[in-house]
Amino acid sequence: MEKVKKQLLQAAINHGSMPMDMVTEIIAKLCDAYDVRVPDSPTALKGVIVEIDTELRKYDQTLQFVKHPLDGTEYLVFGMLTANLACKFQPQYTDTERNYFHKLLESLVSSDDYGFVWNDIYSVANLIPANVQRPLTKQRIQDLESIWTAQGYFLQKEDKIYLGPRTMVEYGNYLKQHFPDFIKDCILCQRIVFWDVKCSECQVKLHRECIRKYLIKKSTCPGCKRTWNTRLSLPQNN
């Protein structure tokens, strides 16, 4: 199983973010190639990931499953946990491209739903300081968006792009520290909450699963203590 773990980790590093069906397909092929028993349940598979993650955290890296609230898909995400923002992003990009990436993050975080329409990716490029390298071409902007979406930094849904699963893992704490008015912790689990559910009375934001468990025994919002009236199921058009 050690060889399977090593190859699975390499695939995760190469892709950055992979949906669960892709992960199960890869691990099935690896187990077959190395004549190892395939994990027989999602719990067993997640146990393998936890073992890999435990080792990675010694090096300020992580491998973990993240369920994105907007599409309900569970992704396996590889991320860097270093505090230095400059160390997180791949060195093959130019200063202009790295500046553009950070401006995209800032613009998405400060939007109402952490997303904006696809065409806004071009106007964000105008926010890059004038003293950096030559401006990005329209084609390069499109290429970068495709690359970063494929890597899980952004999520495309209909005609908009949002913060992706890898950004949630890799940049969550950075965004909470630098944008405290927009990124906050769920008051039930003290972990960052991005979309999920808002109380209709006080607008406090909570993880869907956290409030679902909380409401088994109580009927009021843990924030304002008023009766909880917000539906917990995902809208059908999501």
Protein backbone atom coordinates (compact mmCIF):
# COMPACT_ATOMS: atom_id res chain seq x y z
CA MET A 1 0.00 0.00 0.00
CA GLU A 2 2.96 2.35 0.49
CA LYS A 3 3.63 2.45 -3.25
CA VAL A 4 -0.06 3.14 -3.87
CA LYS A 5 0.03 6.01 -1.37
CA LYS A 6 3.10 7.50 -3.02
CA GLN A 7 1.59 7.36 -6.51
CA LEU A 8 -1.76 8.69 -5.30
CA LEU A 9 0.00 11.61 -3.62
CA GLN A 10 1.90 12.35 -6.82
CA ALA A 11 -1.37 12.39 -8.76
CA ALA A 12 -2.87 14.76 -6.18
CA ILE A 13 0.14 17.07 -6.44
CA ASN A 14 -0.05 17.05 -10.24
CA HIS A 15 -3.77 17.83 -10.33
CA GLY A 16 -4.05 19.98 -7.21
CA SER A 17 -7.70 19.03 -6.80
CA MET A 18 -9.57 15.88 -7.91
CA PRO A 19 -13.26 14.93 -7.57
CA MET A 20 -14.03 11.75 -5.65
CA ASP A 21 -14.90 9.68 -8.73
CA MET A 22 -11.49 10.47 -10.22
CA VAL A 23 -9.77 9.53 -6.96
CA THR A 24 -11.53 6.17 -6.73
CA GLU A 25 -10.65 5.41 -10.35
CA ILE A 26 -6.98 6.25 -9.80
CA ILE A 27 -6.65 4.26 -6.58
CA ALA A 28 -8.40 1.25 -8.14
CA LYS A 29 -5.89 1.23 -11.00
CA LEU A 30 -2.96 1.67 -8.62
CA CYS A 31 -4.12 -1.15 -6.35
CA ASP A 32 -4.53 -3.39 -9.38
CA ALA A 33 -1.05 -2.49 -10.66
CA TYR A 34 0.60 -3.22 -7.31
CA ASP A 35 -1.66 -6.18 -6.45
CA VAL A 36 -3.02 -4.48 -3.34
CA ARG A 37 -6.55 -4.73 -1.99
CA VAL A 38 -8.71 -1.76 -2.98
CA PRO A 39 -10.22 0.19 -0.03
CA ASP A 40 -13.70 -1.33 0.22
CA SER A 41 -15.59 1.78 1.39
CA PRO A 42 -15.39 5.58 1.38
CA THR A 43 -14.40 5.37 5.05
CA ALA A 44 -11.49 3.05 4.25
CA LEU A 45 -10.35 5.32 1.42
CA LYS A 46 -10.47 8.35 3.70
CA GLY A 47 -8.42 6.41 6.22
CA VAL A 48 -5.68 6.05 3.61
CA ILE A 49 -5.82 9.79 2.93
CA VAL A 50 -5.56 10.57 6.65
CA GLU A 51 -2.40 8.45 6.85
CA ILE A 52 -0.85 10.37 3.95
CA ASP A 53 -1.97 13.70 5.41
CA THR A 54 -0.44 12.92 8.80
CA GLU A 55 2.98 12.56 7.19
CA LEU A 56 2.56 15.60 4.95
CA ARG A 57 1.75 17.95 7.82
CA LYS A 58 5.30 17.48 9.10
CA TYR A 59 6.32 19.45 6.01
CA ASP A 60 3.54 22.08 6.14
CA GLN A 61 1.54 20.31 3.44
CA THR A 62 -1.86 18.64 3.48
CA LEU A 63 -3.96 16.14 1.55
CA GLN A 64 -7.62 16.17 2.51
CA PHE A 65 -11.15 15.75 1.25
CA VAL A 66 -13.23 18.91 0.96
CA LYS A 67 -16.91 19.04 0.02
CA HIS A 68 -17.58 22.23 -1.91
CA PRO A 69 -20.86 23.80 -0.73
CA LEU A 70 -21.79 25.19 -4.16
CA ASP A 71 -21.75 22.00 -6.23
CA GLY A 72 -21.92 19.39 -3.46
CA THR A 73 -18.88 17.61 -4.90
CA GLU A 74 -16.23 16.11 -2.65
CA TYR A 75 -12.69 16.89 -3.81
CA LEU A 76 -9.32 15.50 -2.78
CA VAL A 77 -7.13 18.58 -2.36
CA PHE A 78 -3.37 18.91 -2.03
CA GLY A 79 -2.31 22.17 -0.42
CA MET A 80 0.59 24.06 1.12
CA LEU A 81 0.12 25.21 4.71
CA THR A 82 3.06 27.62 4.90
CA ALA A 83 2.31 30.99 6.46
CA ASN A 84 4.29 32.86 3.80
CA LEU A 85 1.90 33.68 0.96
CA ALA A 86 4.73 33.87 -1.57
CA CYS A 87 5.68 30.25 -0.86
CA LYS A 88 2.22 28.94 -1.65
CA PHE A 89 2.03 29.74 -5.32
CA GLN A 90 3.97 27.98 -8.07
CA PRO A 91 7.22 29.73 -9.02
CA GLN A 92 6.74 29.24 -12.77
CA TYR A 93 4.43 32.26 -12.96
CA THR A 94 5.61 35.80 -13.60
CA ASP A 95 5.23 38.57 -11.02
CA THR A 96 2.36 39.96 -13.09
CA GLU A 97 0.57 36.61 -13.10
CA ARG A 98 1.05 36.15 -9.37
CA ASN A 99 -0.28 39.66 -8.77
CA TYR A 100 -3.25 38.85 -10.97
CA PHE A 101 -3.98 35.69 -8.98
CA HIS A 102 -3.96 37.59 -5.70
CA LYS A 103 -6.20 40.32 -7.14
CA LEU A 104 -8.63 37.62 -8.21
CA LEU A 105 -8.71 36.28 -4.66
CA GLU A 106 -9.28 39.75 -3.22
CA SER A 107 -12.08 40.48 -5.69
CA LEU A 108 -13.82 37.15 -5.11
CA VAL A 109 -13.59 37.40 -1.32
CA SER A 110 -15.09 40.89 -1.26
CA SER A 111 -18.03 39.95 -3.52
CA ASP A 112 -21.42 39.04 -2.07
CA ASP A 113 -21.19 35.31 -2.77
CA TYR A 114 -17.42 34.95 -3.28
CA GLY A 115 -17.98 34.89 -7.02
CA PHE A 116 -18.40 37.07 -10.10
CA VAL A 117 -19.38 36.66 -13.73
CA TRP A 118 -16.80 35.17 -16.06
CA ASN A 119 -16.23 38.38 -18.03
CA ASP A 120 -15.05 40.18 -14.89
CA ILE A 121 -11.77 38.25 -15.02
CA TYR A 122 -10.54 40.81 -17.56
CA SER A 123 -11.37 43.89 -15.49
CA VAL A 124 -9.58 42.40 -12.46
CA ALA A 125 -6.36 42.50 -14.49
CA ASN A 126 -6.66 46.29 -14.50
CA LEU A 127 -6.21 46.28 -10.71
CA ILE A 128 -2.62 45.07 -10.98
CA PRO A 129 -0.14 47.82 -9.95
CA ALA A 130 1.28 49.70 -12.92
CA ASN A 131 4.87 49.14 -11.83
CA VAL A 132 4.82 45.37 -12.39
CA GLN A 133 5.78 43.62 -15.61
CA ARG A 134 4.00 43.99 -18.94
CA PRO A 135 0.19 43.64 -18.84
CA LEU A 136 -1.53 40.32 -19.44
CA THR A 137 -3.09 39.62 -22.81
CA LYS A 138 -6.71 38.54 -23.04
CA GLN A 139 -5.62 35.10 -24.22
CA ARG A 140 -3.20 34.69 -21.31
CA ILE A 141 -5.94 35.65 -18.85
CA GLN A 142 -8.19 32.96 -20.35
CA ASP A 143 -5.39 30.40 -20.19
CA LEU A 144 -4.63 31.21 -16.56
CA GLU A 145 -8.28 30.92 -15.56
CA SER A 146 -8.50 27.51 -17.22
CA ILE A 147 -5.32 26.31 -15.49
CA TRP A 148 -6.29 27.61 -12.06
CA THR A 149 -9.82 26.24 -12.33
CA ALA A 150 -8.46 22.81 -13.31
CA GLN A 151 -6.13 22.94 -10.29
CA GLY A 152 -9.04 23.69 -7.97
CA TYR A 153 -8.20 27.28 -7.10
CA PHE A 154 -11.46 28.43 -8.69
CA LEU A 155 -14.79 26.76 -9.35
CA GLN A 156 -16.82 27.50 -12.46
CA LYS A 157 -20.58 27.23 -12.02
CA GLU A 158 -22.86 28.36 -14.84
CA ASP A 159 -21.60 31.81 -15.95
CA LYS A 160 -19.68 32.62 -12.76
CA ILE A 161 -16.44 31.64 -11.06
CA TYR A 162 -16.03 31.21 -7.31
CA LEU A 163 -13.39 30.34 -4.76
CA GLY A 164 -12.47 26.72 -5.44
CA PRO A 165 -11.78 23.80 -3.08
CA ARG A 166 -8.01 24.25 -3.19
CA THR A 167 -8.28 27.93 -2.30
CA MET A 168 -10.51 27.00 0.64
CA VAL A 169 -7.80 24.66 1.96
CA GLU A 170 -4.65 26.52 1.01
CA TYR A 171 -5.66 30.17 1.45
CA GLY A 172 -8.46 29.94 4.00
CA ASN A 173 -6.48 31.15 7.01
CA TYR A 174 -4.72 33.84 4.97
CA LEU A 175 -8.06 35.18 3.73
CA LYS A 176 -9.57 35.10 7.23
CA GLN A 177 -6.61 37.06 8.59
CA HIS A 178 -6.57 39.71 5.85
CA PHE A 179 -10.31 39.93 5.12
CA PRO A 180 -11.96 39.44 8.54
CA ASP A 181 -15.08 41.34 7.47
CA PHE A 182 -15.75 38.77 4.74
CA ILE A 183 -14.25 35.48 5.97
CA LYS A 184 -15.34 34.21 9.38
CA ASP A 185 -15.47 31.02 11.42
CA CYS A 186 -18.58 28.93 11.94
CA ILE A 187 -19.57 29.67 15.55
CA LEU A 188 -20.34 25.99 16.15
CA CYS A 189 -17.09 24.34 15.05
CA GLN A 190 -14.74 27.37 14.94
CA ARG A 191 -13.62 26.50 11.41
CA ILE A 192 -13.90 28.77 8.39
CA VAL A 193 -17.29 28.85 6.72
CA PHE A 194 -17.65 30.19 3.19
CA TRP A 195 -21.22 29.67 1.86
CA ASP A 196 -23.41 27.03 3.49
CA VAL A 197 -26.31 28.48 5.56
CA LYS A 198 -27.23 31.91 6.98
CA CYS A 199 -29.67 32.53 9.80
CA SER A 200 -32.60 34.48 8.36
CA GLU A 201 -32.76 36.59 11.53
CA CYS A 202 -29.15 37.62 12.26
CA GLN A 203 -27.35 36.55 9.05
CA VAL A 204 -24.72 34.56 10.97
CA LYS A 205 -23.18 31.97 8.66
CA LEU A 206 -22.79 28.32 9.66
CA HIS A 207 -21.76 25.03 8.10
CA ARG A 208 -24.81 23.16 6.89
CA GLU A 209 -23.81 19.97 8.70
CA CYS A 210 -22.96 21.84 11.91
CA ILE A 211 -26.36 23.51 12.19
CA ARG A 212 -28.12 20.31 11.11
CA LYS A 213 -26.58 18.44 14.07
CA TYR A 214 -27.20 21.39 16.40
CA LEU A 215 -30.91 21.51 15.54
CA ILE A 216 -31.41 17.87 16.51
CA LYS A 217 -31.56 19.01 20.13
CA LYS A 218 -32.34 22.73 19.82
CA SER A 219 -34.61 24.91 17.70
CA THR A 220 -32.95 28.31 17.96
CA CYS A 221 -30.04 29.99 16.18
CA PRO A 222 -26.79 29.56 18.16
CA GLY A 223 -26.00 33.20 17.40
CA CYS A 224 -29.11 35.30 18.03
CA LYS A 225 -31.08 32.62 19.95
CA ARG A 226 -34.20 33.26 17.88
CA THR A 227 -36.20 30.44 16.29
CA TRP A 228 -34.31 28.92 13.37
CA ASN A 229 -36.34 29.37 10.15
CA THR A 230 -33.79 28.86 7.35
CA ARG A 231 -34.13 25.73 5.20
CA LEU A 232 -31.14 23.39 5.35
CA SER A 233 -31.59 21.48 2.11
CA LEU A 234 -29.74 22.68 -0.98
CA PRO A 235 -31.91 24.49 -3.55
CA GLN A 236 -32.77 22.26 -6.52
CA ASN A 237 -31.06 24.56 -9.04
CA ASN A 238 -27.72 24.16 -7.23
